[in-house]
Amino acid sequence: MMQIFDTMQNRLVDLETRDPNHVSIYACGPTVYDVPHLGHARTALTYDLLKRFLMWSGYTVTLAS
């Protein structure tokens, strides 16, 4: 069983999915108000790495961004 950090509860919790071994992730894209910089890519990179890790761990992943 995989655990993730729940910021609402401030502790690790078991990753529970509606469908066995399938994770759905929604990641809101950046709202850029000024000159683009590398920090704007952080969200996309973070969720891409999370998706790849979950897939490597045996999950099917749907990522909407």
C-alpha atoms as a PDB file:
ATOM      1  CA  MET A   1       0.000   0.000   0.000  1.00  0.00           C
ATOM      2  CA  MET A   2       1.303   3.427  -0.924  1.00  0.00           C
ATOM      3  CA  GLN A   3       1.019   6.395   1.417  1.00  0.00           C
ATOM      4  CA  ILE A   4       0.783  10.086   0.573  1.00  0.00           C
ATOM      5  CA  PHE A   5       0.991  13.165   2.789  1.00  0.00           C
ATOM      6  CA  ASP A   6      -2.430  14.705   3.449  1.00  0.00           C
ATOM      7  CA  THR A   7      -1.956  18.422   4.155  1.00  0.00           C
ATOM      8  CA  MET A   8      -5.494  18.727   5.576  1.00  0.00           C
ATOM      9  CA  GLN A   9      -4.755  16.089   8.228  1.00  0.00           C
ATOM     10  CA  ASN A  10      -1.031  16.908   8.433  1.00  0.00           C
ATOM     11  CA  ARG A  11      -0.068  13.219   8.314  1.00  0.00           C
ATOM     12  CA  LEU A  12       0.593  10.276   6.011  1.00  0.00           C
ATOM     13  CA  VAL A  13      -2.514   8.435   4.804  1.00  0.00           C
ATOM     14  CA  ASP A  14      -3.011   5.342   2.666  1.00  0.00           C
ATOM     15  CA  LEU A  15      -3.607   6.095  -1.013  1.00  0.00           C
ATOM     16  CA  GLU A  16      -7.185   4.955  -1.598  1.00  0.00           C
ATOM     17  CA  THR A  17      -8.557   4.974  -5.139  1.00  0.00           C
ATOM     18  CA  ARG A  18     -12.121   4.526  -6.415  1.00  0.00           C
ATOM     19  CA  ASP A  19     -10.978   1.987  -8.975  1.00  0.00           C
ATOM     20  CA  PRO A  20      -8.319  -0.531  -7.948  1.00  0.00           C
ATOM     21  CA  ASN A  21      -4.870   0.499  -9.234  1.00  0.00           C
ATOM     22  CA  HIS A  22      -6.195   3.580 -11.089  1.00  0.00           C
ATOM     23  CA  VAL A  23      -5.299   7.117 -10.014  1.00  0.00           C
ATOM     24  CA  SER A  24      -6.869  10.262 -11.480  1.00  0.00           C
ATOM     25  CA  ILE A  25      -5.048  13.573 -11.029  1.00  0.00           C
ATOM     26  CA  TYR A  26      -6.245  17.070 -11.927  1.00  0.00           C
ATOM     27  CA  ALA A  27      -3.538  19.730 -12.004  1.00  0.00           C
ATOM     28  CA  CYS A  28      -4.483  23.334 -12.697  1.00  0.00           C
ATOM     29  CA  GLY A  29      -2.121  25.006 -15.153  1.00  0.00           C
ATOM     30  CA  PRO A  30      -0.082  28.103 -14.322  1.00  0.00           C
ATOM     31  CA  THR A  31      -1.560  31.595 -14.439  1.00  0.00           C
ATOM     32  CA  VAL A  32       1.307  33.655 -15.828  1.00  0.00           C
ATOM     33  CA  TYR A  33       1.103  37.418 -15.241  1.00  0.00           C
ATOM     34  CA  ASP A  34       4.665  38.417 -16.056  1.00  0.00           C
ATOM     35  CA  VAL A  35       7.729  37.293 -17.946  1.00  0.00           C
ATOM     36  CA  PRO A  36       7.858  33.477 -18.197  1.00  0.00           C
ATOM     37  CA  HIS A  37      10.549  31.810 -16.101  1.00  0.00           C
ATOM     38  CA  LEU A  38      11.604  28.314 -15.074  1.00  0.00           C
ATOM     39  CA  GLY A  39       9.398  28.396 -11.980  1.00  0.00           C
ATOM     40  CA  HIS A  40       6.311  28.321 -14.200  1.00  0.00           C
ATOM     41  CA  ALA A  41       7.291  24.810 -15.327  1.00  0.00           C
ATOM     42  CA  ARG A  42       7.452  23.515 -11.745  1.00  0.00           C
ATOM     43  CA  THR A  43       3.806  22.428 -11.556  1.00  0.00           C
ATOM     44  CA  ALA A  44       3.932  20.556 -14.858  1.00  0.00           C
ATOM     45  CA  LEU A  45       7.213  18.889 -13.905  1.00  0.00           C
ATOM     46  CA  THR A  46       5.979  17.919 -10.429  1.00  0.00           C
ATOM     47  CA  TYR A  47       2.809  16.246 -11.693  1.00  0.00           C
ATOM     48  CA  ASP A  48       4.619  14.588 -14.589  1.00  0.00           C
ATOM     49  CA  LEU A  49       7.094  13.048 -12.137  1.00  0.00           C
ATOM     50  CA  LEU A  50       4.241  11.955  -9.851  1.00  0.00           C
ATOM     51  CA  LYS A  51       2.465  10.341 -12.811  1.00  0.00           C
ATOM     52  CA  ARG A  52       5.623   8.529 -13.915  1.00  0.00           C
ATOM     53  CA  PHE A  53       6.315   7.265 -10.376  1.00  0.00           C
ATOM     54  CA  LEU A  54       2.750   5.994  -9.954  1.00  0.00           C
ATOM     55  CA  MET A  55       2.921   4.250 -13.336  1.00  0.00           C
ATOM     56  CA  TRP A  56       6.266   2.698 -12.378  1.00  0.00           C
ATOM     57  CA  SER A  57       4.597   1.526  -9.137  1.00  0.00           C
ATOM     58  CA  GLY A  58       1.927  -0.342 -11.110  1.00  0.00           C
ATOM     59  CA  TYR A  59      -0.921   2.178 -11.196  1.00  0.00           C
ATOM     60  CA  THR A  60      -2.835   3.292 -14.271  1.00  0.00           C
ATOM     61  CA  VAL A  61      -2.828   7.099 -14.215  1.00  0.00           C
ATOM     62  CA  THR A  62      -5.101   9.687 -15.803  1.00  0.00           C
ATOM     63  CA  LEU A  63      -3.576  13.182 -15.620  1.00  0.00           C
ATOM     64  CA  ALA A  64      -5.686  16.158 -16.658  1.00  0.00           C
ATOM     65  CA  SER A  65      -3.921  19.493 -16.751  1.00  0.00           C
END
